[in-house]
C-alpha atoms as a PDB file:
ATOM      1  CA  ARG A   1     -12.742  -4.117  -1.006  1.00  0.00           C
ATOM      2  CA  THR A   2      -9.978  -5.117   1.396  1.00  0.00           C
ATOM      3  CA  VAL A   3      -9.463  -2.716   4.299  1.00  0.00           C
ATOM      4  CA  PRO A   4      -5.782  -1.681   4.654  1.00  0.00           C
ATOM      5  CA  VAL A   5      -4.030  -2.898   7.817  1.00  0.00           C
ATOM      6  CA  ARG A   6      -1.400  -1.071   9.825  1.00  0.00           C
ATOM      7  CA  ILE A   7       2.106  -2.474   9.648  1.00  0.00           C
ATOM      8  CA  CYS A   8       5.291  -1.091  11.192  1.00  0.00           C
ATOM      9  CA  ASN A   9       8.976  -1.437  10.405  1.00  0.00           C
ATOM     10  CA  GLY A  10      11.823  -0.705  12.822  1.00  0.00           C
ATOM     11  CA  ASP A  11      14.423   1.672  11.388  1.00  0.00           C
ATOM     12  CA  GLY A  12      17.697   2.321  13.176  1.00  0.00           C
ATOM     13  CA  LYS A  13      18.787   5.087  10.814  1.00  0.00           C
ATOM     14  CA  SER A  14      16.171   7.832  10.693  1.00  0.00           C
ATOM     15  CA  ALA A  15      12.588   8.439   9.722  1.00  0.00           C
ATOM     16  CA  GLY A  16      12.252   7.160   6.187  1.00  0.00           C
ATOM     17  CA  GLU A  17      15.794   8.153   5.250  1.00  0.00           C
ATOM     18  CA  PHE A  18      17.369   6.228   2.401  1.00  0.00           C
ATOM     19  CA  GLN A  19      20.490   4.232   3.230  1.00  0.00           C
ATOM     20  CA  LYS A  20      23.080   5.406   0.732  1.00  0.00           C
ATOM     21  CA  GLU A  21      25.882   2.946   1.425  1.00  0.00           C
ATOM     22  CA  THR A  22      26.577   1.028  -1.777  1.00  0.00           C
ATOM     23  CA  GLY A  23      26.519  -2.726  -1.501  1.00  0.00           C
ATOM     24  CA  LYS A  24      25.134  -2.670   2.031  1.00  0.00           C
ATOM     25  CA  GLU A  25      22.896  -5.647   2.790  1.00  0.00           C
ATOM     26  CA  THR A  26      19.719  -4.659   4.594  1.00  0.00           C
ATOM     27  CA  SER A  27      16.397  -6.156   5.588  1.00  0.00           C
ATOM     28  CA  GLY A  28      14.966  -5.495   2.146  1.00  0.00           C
ATOM     29  CA  TYR A  29      13.563  -2.343   0.654  1.00  0.00           C
ATOM     30  CA  ASP A  30      14.784   1.114   1.637  1.00  0.00           C
ATOM     31  CA  CYS A  31      12.678   4.240   1.319  1.00  0.00           C
ATOM     32  CA  GLY A  32      13.443   7.809   0.452  1.00  0.00           C
ATOM     33  CA  LYS A  33      12.053  10.689   2.455  1.00  0.00           C
ATOM     34  CA  GLN A  34       8.300  11.094   2.415  1.00  0.00           C
ATOM     35  CA  SER A  35       7.114  12.640  -0.847  1.00  0.00           C
ATOM     36  CA  GLU A  36       4.516  15.413  -1.110  1.00  0.00           C
ATOM     37  CA  SER A  37       1.850  12.843  -1.980  1.00  0.00           C
ATOM     38  CA  GLY A  38       2.502  11.040   1.300  1.00  0.00           C
ATOM     39  CA  ARG A  39       3.893   7.960  -0.403  1.00  0.00           C
ATOM     40  CA  CYS A  40       7.283   6.479   0.317  1.00  0.00           C
ATOM     41  CA  ARG A  41       9.561   6.762  -2.720  1.00  0.00           C
ATOM     42  CA  ILE A  42      11.525   3.622  -3.525  1.00  0.00           C
ATOM     43  CA  ARG A  43      15.095   4.266  -4.548  1.00  0.00           C
ATOM     44  CA  ARG A  44      16.490   0.751  -4.875  1.00  0.00           C
ATOM     45  CA  ARG A  45      16.459  -2.698  -3.358  1.00  0.00           C
ATOM     46  CA  HIS A  46      19.309  -4.559  -1.683  1.00  0.00           C
ATOM     47  CA  LYS A  47      19.679  -8.313  -1.598  1.00  0.00           C
ATOM     48  CA  CYS A  48      19.669  -9.681   1.919  1.00  0.00           C
ATOM     49  CA  ARG A  49      21.102 -12.963   3.135  1.00  0.00           C
ATOM     50  CA  TYR A  50      20.327 -14.758   6.360  1.00  0.00           C
ATOM     51  CA  ASN A  51      16.930 -13.252   7.172  1.00  0.00           C
ATOM     52  CA  ASP A  52      14.160 -15.688   8.114  1.00  0.00           C
ATOM     53  CA  TYR A  53      12.321 -15.533   4.790  1.00  0.00           C
ATOM     54  CA  GLY A  54      15.090 -14.219   2.560  1.00  0.00           C
ATOM     55  CA  MET A  55      14.944 -10.881   0.817  1.00  0.00           C
ATOM     56  CA  GLY A  56      11.965  -8.732   1.712  1.00  0.00           C
ATOM     57  CA  PHE A  57      10.593  -5.848   3.747  1.00  0.00           C
ATOM     58  CA  TYR A  58      10.120  -7.093   7.321  1.00  0.00           C
ATOM     59  CA  CYS A  59       7.235  -5.585   9.272  1.00  0.00           C
ATOM     60  CA  THR A  60       4.963  -6.293  12.219  1.00  0.00           C
ATOM     61  CA  GLN A  61       1.483  -5.207  13.287  1.00  0.00           C
ATOM     62  CA  SER A  62       2.866  -4.547  16.777  1.00  0.00           C
ATOM     63  CA  LEU A  63       4.111  -0.979  17.214  1.00  0.00           C
ATOM     64  CA  ASN A  64       5.983  -1.930  20.381  1.00  0.00           C
ATOM     65  CA  LEU A  65       7.796  -4.758  18.631  1.00  0.00           C
ATOM     66  CA  ALA A  66       8.804  -2.427  15.796  1.00  0.00           C
ATOM     67  CA  LYS A  67      10.296  -0.058  18.362  1.00  0.00           C
ATOM     68  CA  GLU A  68      12.323  -2.927  19.814  1.00  0.00           C
ATOM     69  CA  TRP A  69      13.633  -3.759  16.335  1.00  0.00           C
ATOM     70  CA  ALA A  70      14.639  -0.128  15.775  1.00  0.00           C
ATOM     71  CA  VAL A  71      16.936   0.381  18.770  1.00  0.00           C
ATOM     72  CA  ASP A  72      20.378  -0.882  19.659  1.00  0.00           C
ATOM     73  CA  ASP A  73      23.187  -0.062  22.075  1.00  0.00           C
ATOM     74  CA  ASP A  74      23.452   3.736  22.350  1.00  0.00           C
ATOM     75  CA  ARG A  75      21.184   4.207  19.329  1.00  0.00           C
ATOM     76  CA  ASP A  76      17.626   5.413  19.142  1.00  0.00           C
ATOM     77  CA  GLY A  77      15.465   4.628  16.130  1.00  0.00           C
ATOM     78  CA  TYR A  78      12.066   4.968  14.515  1.00  0.00           C
ATOM     79  CA  ALA A  79       9.031   2.784  13.979  1.00  0.00           C
ATOM     80  CA  ASN A  80       7.837   3.645  10.498  1.00  0.00           C
ATOM     81  CA  GLU A  81       4.106   3.055  10.096  1.00  0.00           C
ATOM     82  CA  TYR A  82       2.443   2.101   6.798  1.00  0.00           C
ATOM     83  CA  ALA A  83      -1.055   1.310   5.573  1.00  0.00           C
ATOM     84  CA  PHE A  84      -0.921  -1.997   3.705  1.00  0.00           C
ATOM     85  CA  ASN A  85      -3.603  -3.294   1.342  1.00  0.00           C
ATOM     86  CA  THR A  86      -3.355  -7.032   0.604  1.00  0.00           C
ATOM     87  CA  GLU A  87      -5.994  -6.989  -2.135  1.00  0.00           C
ATOM     88  CA  ASP A  88      -4.914  -8.976  -5.224  1.00  0.00           C
ATOM     89  CA  LEU A  89      -1.787 -10.208  -3.449  1.00  0.00           C
ATOM     90  CA  THR A  90      -0.860 -13.839  -2.826  1.00  0.00           C
ATOM     91  CA  VAL A  91      -0.310 -14.396   0.898  1.00  0.00           C
ATOM     92  CA  LEU A  92       1.406 -17.351   2.571  1.00  0.00           C
ATOM     93  CA  ASP A  93       0.144 -17.443   6.165  1.00  0.00           C
ATOM     94  CA  LEU A  94       2.147 -20.054   8.046  1.00  0.00           C
ATOM     95  CA  SER A  95      -0.295 -19.913  10.951  1.00  0.00           C
ATOM     96  CA  ASP A  96      -2.962 -21.443   8.724  1.00  0.00           C
ATOM     97  CA  GLU A  97      -4.028 -24.892   9.925  1.00  0.00           C
ATOM     98  CA  LYS A  98      -2.670 -26.582   6.796  1.00  0.00           C
ATOM     99  CA  TYR A  99       0.874 -25.643   7.840  1.00  0.00           C
ATOM    100  CA  ASN A 100       2.856 -26.652  10.890  1.00  0.00           C
ATOM    101  CA  MET A 101       6.134 -25.865  12.605  1.00  0.00           C
ATOM    102  CA  LEU A 102       8.107 -27.964  10.119  1.00  0.00           C
ATOM    103  CA  HIS A 103       7.001 -25.802   7.179  1.00  0.00           C
ATOM    104  CA  TRP A 104       8.307 -22.730   9.018  1.00  0.00           C
ATOM    105  CA  LEU A 105      11.554 -24.515   9.851  1.00  0.00           C
ATOM    106  CA  ALA A 106      12.049 -25.636   6.237  1.00  0.00           C
ATOM    107  CA  ILE A 107      11.928 -22.010   5.097  1.00  0.00           C
ATOM    108  CA  LEU A 108      14.298 -20.987   7.872  1.00  0.00           C
ATOM    109  CA  LEU A 109      16.763 -23.670   6.792  1.00  0.00           C
ATOM    110  CA  GLN A 110      16.882 -22.200   3.293  1.00  0.00           C
ATOM    111  CA  ASN A 111      17.693 -18.690   4.511  1.00  0.00           C
ATOM    112  CA  ARG A 112      19.546 -18.795   7.836  1.00  0.00           C
ATOM    113  CA  LEU A 113      22.945 -20.272   8.632  1.00  0.00           C
ATOM    114  CA  PHE A 114      22.589 -23.251  10.962  1.00  0.00           C
ATOM    115  CA  ASP A 115      25.398 -24.895  12.904  1.00  0.00           C
ATOM    116  CA  VAL A 116      24.742 -28.501  11.905  1.00  0.00           C
ATOM    117  CA  GLN A 117      26.765 -30.653  14.255  1.00  0.00           C
ATOM    118  CA  SER A 118      26.274 -34.138  12.845  1.00  0.00           C
ATOM    119  CA  ASP A 119      25.477 -36.146   9.729  1.00  0.00           C
ATOM    120  CA  PHE A 120      22.046 -36.716  11.264  1.00  0.00           C
ATOM    121  CA  GLY A 121      21.470 -32.983  11.434  1.00  0.00           C
ATOM    122  CA  GLU A 122      22.425 -32.514   7.794  1.00  0.00           C
ATOM    123  CA  GLU A 123      20.116 -35.348   6.730  1.00  0.00           C
ATOM    124  CA  ALA A 124      17.302 -33.847   8.775  1.00  0.00           C
ATOM    125  CA  LYS A 125      17.872 -30.481   7.114  1.00  0.00           C
ATOM    126  CA  GLN A 126      17.627 -31.920   3.615  1.00  0.00           C
ATOM    127  CA  TYR A 127      14.579 -34.006   4.551  1.00  0.00           C
ATOM    128  CA  LEU A 128      12.687 -30.982   5.878  1.00  0.00           C
ATOM    129  CA  ILE A 129      13.481 -28.849   2.843  1.00  0.00           C
ATOM    130  CA  LYS A 130      12.357 -31.645   0.500  1.00  0.00           C
ATOM    131  CA  HIS A 131       9.151 -32.679   2.263  1.00  0.00           C
ATOM    132  CA  PHE A 132       7.947 -29.442   3.920  1.00  0.00           C
ATOM    133  CA  ASP A 133       8.684 -26.872   1.242  1.00  0.00           C
ATOM    134  CA  ALA A 134       5.803 -24.358   1.200  1.00  0.00           C
ATOM    135  CA  GLN A 135       6.955 -22.822  -2.113  1.00  0.00           C
ATOM    136  CA  TYR A 136       7.358 -19.523  -0.286  1.00  0.00           C
ATOM    137  CA  GLN A 137       9.211 -17.878  -3.188  1.00  0.00           C
ATOM    138  CA  GLU A 138       5.977 -17.810  -5.202  1.00  0.00           C
ATOM    139  CA  TYR A 139       4.108 -15.487  -2.803  1.00  0.00           C
ATOM    140  CA  ASP A 140       3.887 -11.698  -2.600  1.00  0.00           C
ATOM    141  CA  VAL A 141       3.576 -11.708   1.198  1.00  0.00           C
ATOM    142  CA  ILE A 142       4.561 -14.104   3.993  1.00  0.00           C
ATOM    143  CA  ILE A 143       3.094 -14.078   7.513  1.00  0.00           C
ATOM    144  CA  GLY A 144       4.911 -16.193  10.060  1.00  0.00           C
ATOM    145  CA  TYR A 145       6.970 -16.554  13.197  1.00  0.00           C
ATOM    146  CA  ARG A 146       9.920 -14.302  13.902  1.00  0.00           C
ATOM    147  CA  ALA A 147      13.147 -16.199  14.637  1.00  0.00           C
ATOM    148  CA  ASP A 148      15.058 -13.780  16.848  1.00  0.00           C
ATOM    149  CA  ASP A 149      18.287 -14.893  18.544  1.00  0.00           C
ATOM    150  CA  SER A 150      16.712 -17.053  21.234  1.00  0.00           C
ATOM    151  CA  TYR A 151      14.162 -18.770  19.015  1.00  0.00           C
ATOM    152  CA  PHE A 152      16.693 -19.356  16.278  1.00  0.00           C
ATOM    153  CA  SER A 153      18.830 -21.207  18.821  1.00  0.00           C
ATOM    154  CA  PHE A 154      15.800 -23.342  19.775  1.00  0.00           C
ATOM    155  CA  ALA A 155      15.278 -24.281  16.115  1.00  0.00           C
ATOM    156  CA  GLN A 156      18.945 -25.158  15.870  1.00  0.00           C
ATOM    157  CA  ASP A 157      18.653 -27.415  18.943  1.00  0.00           C
ATOM    158  CA  PHE A 158      15.774 -29.239  17.263  1.00  0.00           C
ATOM    159  CA  LEU A 159      17.773 -29.755  14.094  1.00  0.00           C
ATOM    160  CA  ASN A 160      20.647 -31.208  16.133  1.00  0.00           C
ATOM    161  CA  ASN A 161      18.244 -33.574  17.938  1.00  0.00           C
ATOM    162  CA  ALA A 162      18.649 -31.815  21.291  1.00  0.00           C
ATOM    163  CA  ILE A 163      14.909 -31.147  21.752  1.00  0.00           C
ATOM    164  CA  SER A 164      11.719 -32.690  20.423  1.00  0.00           C
ATOM    165  CA  LEU A 165       9.286 -31.136  17.966  1.00  0.00           C
ATOM    166  CA  SER A 166       6.676 -30.842  20.717  1.00  0.00           C
ATOM    167  CA  VAL A 167       9.061 -28.784  22.874  1.00  0.00           C
ATOM    168  CA  LEU A 168       9.965 -26.521  19.942  1.00  0.00           C
ATOM    169  CA  SER A 169       6.298 -26.027  19.044  1.00  0.00           C
ATOM    170  CA  SER A 170       5.386 -25.278  22.642  1.00  0.00           C
ATOM    171  CA  GLU A 171       8.105 -22.659  23.007  1.00  0.00           C
ATOM    172  CA  MET A 172       7.087 -20.922  19.799  1.00  0.00           C
ATOM    173  CA  ARG A 173       3.448 -20.785  20.878  1.00  0.00           C
ATOM    174  CA  LEU A 174       4.134 -19.587  24.401  1.00  0.00           C
ATOM    175  CA  GLY A 175       6.923 -17.162  23.614  1.00  0.00           C
ATOM    176  CA  LYS A 176       4.646 -14.256  22.627  1.00  0.00           C
ATOM    177  CA  LEU A 177       6.763 -13.598  19.578  1.00  0.00           C
ATOM    178  CA  GLY A 178       3.977 -12.164  17.526  1.00  0.00           C
ATOM    179  CA  LYS A 179       3.980 -12.532  13.774  1.00  0.00           C
ATOM    180  CA  GLN A 180       6.080 -10.755  11.224  1.00  0.00           C
ATOM    181  CA  ILE A 181       4.732  -9.717   7.848  1.00  0.00           C
ATOM    182  CA  VAL A 182       7.240  -9.868   5.010  1.00  0.00           C
ATOM    183  CA  LEU A 183       6.659  -8.138   1.693  1.00  0.00           C
ATOM    184  CA  LYS A 184       8.458 -10.212  -0.919  1.00  0.00           C
ATOM    185  CA  SER A 185       7.523  -8.701  -4.286  1.00  0.00           C
ATOM    186  CA  GLU A 186       7.514  -5.361  -6.046  1.00  0.00           C
ATOM    187  CA  LYS A 187       3.745  -5.768  -6.384  1.00  0.00           C
ATOM    188  CA  ALA A 188       3.373  -6.041  -2.607  1.00  0.00           C
ATOM    189  CA  PHE A 189       5.529  -3.011  -1.979  1.00  0.00           C
ATOM    190  CA  ARG A 190       3.398  -0.896  -4.305  1.00  0.00           C
ATOM    191  CA  ASN A 191       0.491  -1.621  -1.929  1.00  0.00           C
ATOM    192  CA  ILE A 192       1.935   0.176   1.111  1.00  0.00           C
ATOM    193  CA  GLN A 193       1.619   3.846   1.912  1.00  0.00           C
ATOM    194  CA  PHE A 194       3.789   5.637   4.465  1.00  0.00           C
ATOM    195  CA  GLN A 195       1.788   7.112   7.369  1.00  0.00           C
ATOM    196  CA  GLN A 196       4.187   8.384  10.007  1.00  0.00           C
ATOM    197  CA  ALA A 197       7.525   7.850  11.754  1.00  0.00           C
ATOM    198  CA  ILE A 198       7.309   7.292  15.511  1.00  0.00           C
ATOM    199  CA  PRO A 199      10.493   7.817  17.600  1.00  0.00           C
ATOM    200  CA  ALA A 200      11.797   4.854  19.619  1.00  0.00           C
ATOM    201  CA  GLU A 201      14.092   5.633  22.556  1.00  0.00           C
ATOM    202  CA  ALA A 202      16.814   3.078  23.276  1.00  0.00           C
ATOM    203  CA  THR A 203      16.599   3.747  27.029  1.00  0.00           C
ATOM    204  CA  ILE A 204      13.002   2.488  26.976  1.00  0.00           C
ATOM    205  CA  TRP A 205      12.899  -0.186  24.282  1.00  0.00           C
ATOM    206  CA  LEU A 206      16.346  -1.810  24.498  1.00  0.00           C
ATOM    207  CA  PRO A 207      15.726  -3.174  28.049  1.00  0.00           C
ATOM    208  CA  GLN A 208      12.381  -4.568  26.880  1.00  0.00           C
ATOM    209  CA  LYS A 209      14.045  -6.147  23.853  1.00  0.00           C
ATOM    210  CA  ARG A 210      16.630  -7.825  26.081  1.00  0.00           C
ATOM    211  CA  GLU A 211      14.061  -8.915  28.643  1.00  0.00           C
ATOM    212  CA  ARG A 212      11.970 -10.557  25.915  1.00  0.00           C
ATOM    213  CA  ASP A 213      14.986 -12.617  24.850  1.00  0.00           C
ATOM    214  CA  SER A 214      16.007 -13.469  28.439  1.00  0.00           C
ATOM    215  CA  ARG A 215      12.467 -14.535  29.330  1.00  0.00           C
ATOM    216  CA  ALA A 216      12.286 -16.801  26.300  1.00  0.00           C
ATOM    217  CA  ARG A 217      15.549 -18.486  27.302  1.00  0.00           C
ATOM    218  CA  ARG A 218      14.468 -18.920  30.923  1.00  0.00           C
ATOM    219  CA  ASP A 219      11.189 -20.507  29.876  1.00  0.00           C
ATOM    220  CA  TYR A 220      12.992 -22.728  27.384  1.00  0.00           C
ATOM    221  CA  PHE A 221      15.502 -24.138  29.867  1.00  0.00           C
ATOM    222  CA  ALA A 222      12.779 -24.585  32.470  1.00  0.00           C
ATOM    223  CA  SER A 223      10.832 -26.778  30.040  1.00  0.00           C
ATOM    224  CA  ARG A 224      13.742 -29.073  29.115  1.00  0.00           C
END
């Protein structure tokens, strides 16, 4: 039997509190307060545009990274921890040797808004989607790179022929991004169980979040 793994999600609202705003687009699933059984009650699901892998519940196995996701200017947050059992789920792991950076980029192109600056860039976009489509919509779970602001800009530079594939691949490997785990289906979400909510203080985690981005940019420009 598969042993459950720990995954964490950064929440800028409160510990497990359901977001009640109608029509609000979020990262995926929202949870109600913890029930007596210890499970997280699902109220509803919001469609999300412009996330790396489309609609889903975005998590990480790094508690520190989840705390960075949770905070913002003058706002503390929570890292909500879950036990996640992948048994009987279909998992697309983009770090598997049969996939490469172009498969990740093809998914990104289908979900994020890119500033394509030339006809060449548009042709490259369509080529990647056609020839490197990993059929990600068919999976319950996706494991892959996290395209935060700095790394999204690197991918955009590649699409506009400003950097080579080798430079893009090198930056993604050396950037210590970690992987994000995205639950894409109702079946996957039924396999998580809420464990605890861990406070994340903006005074501690916001500087680290900004330093991670600044370091990635410094390394990127140094390599060009």
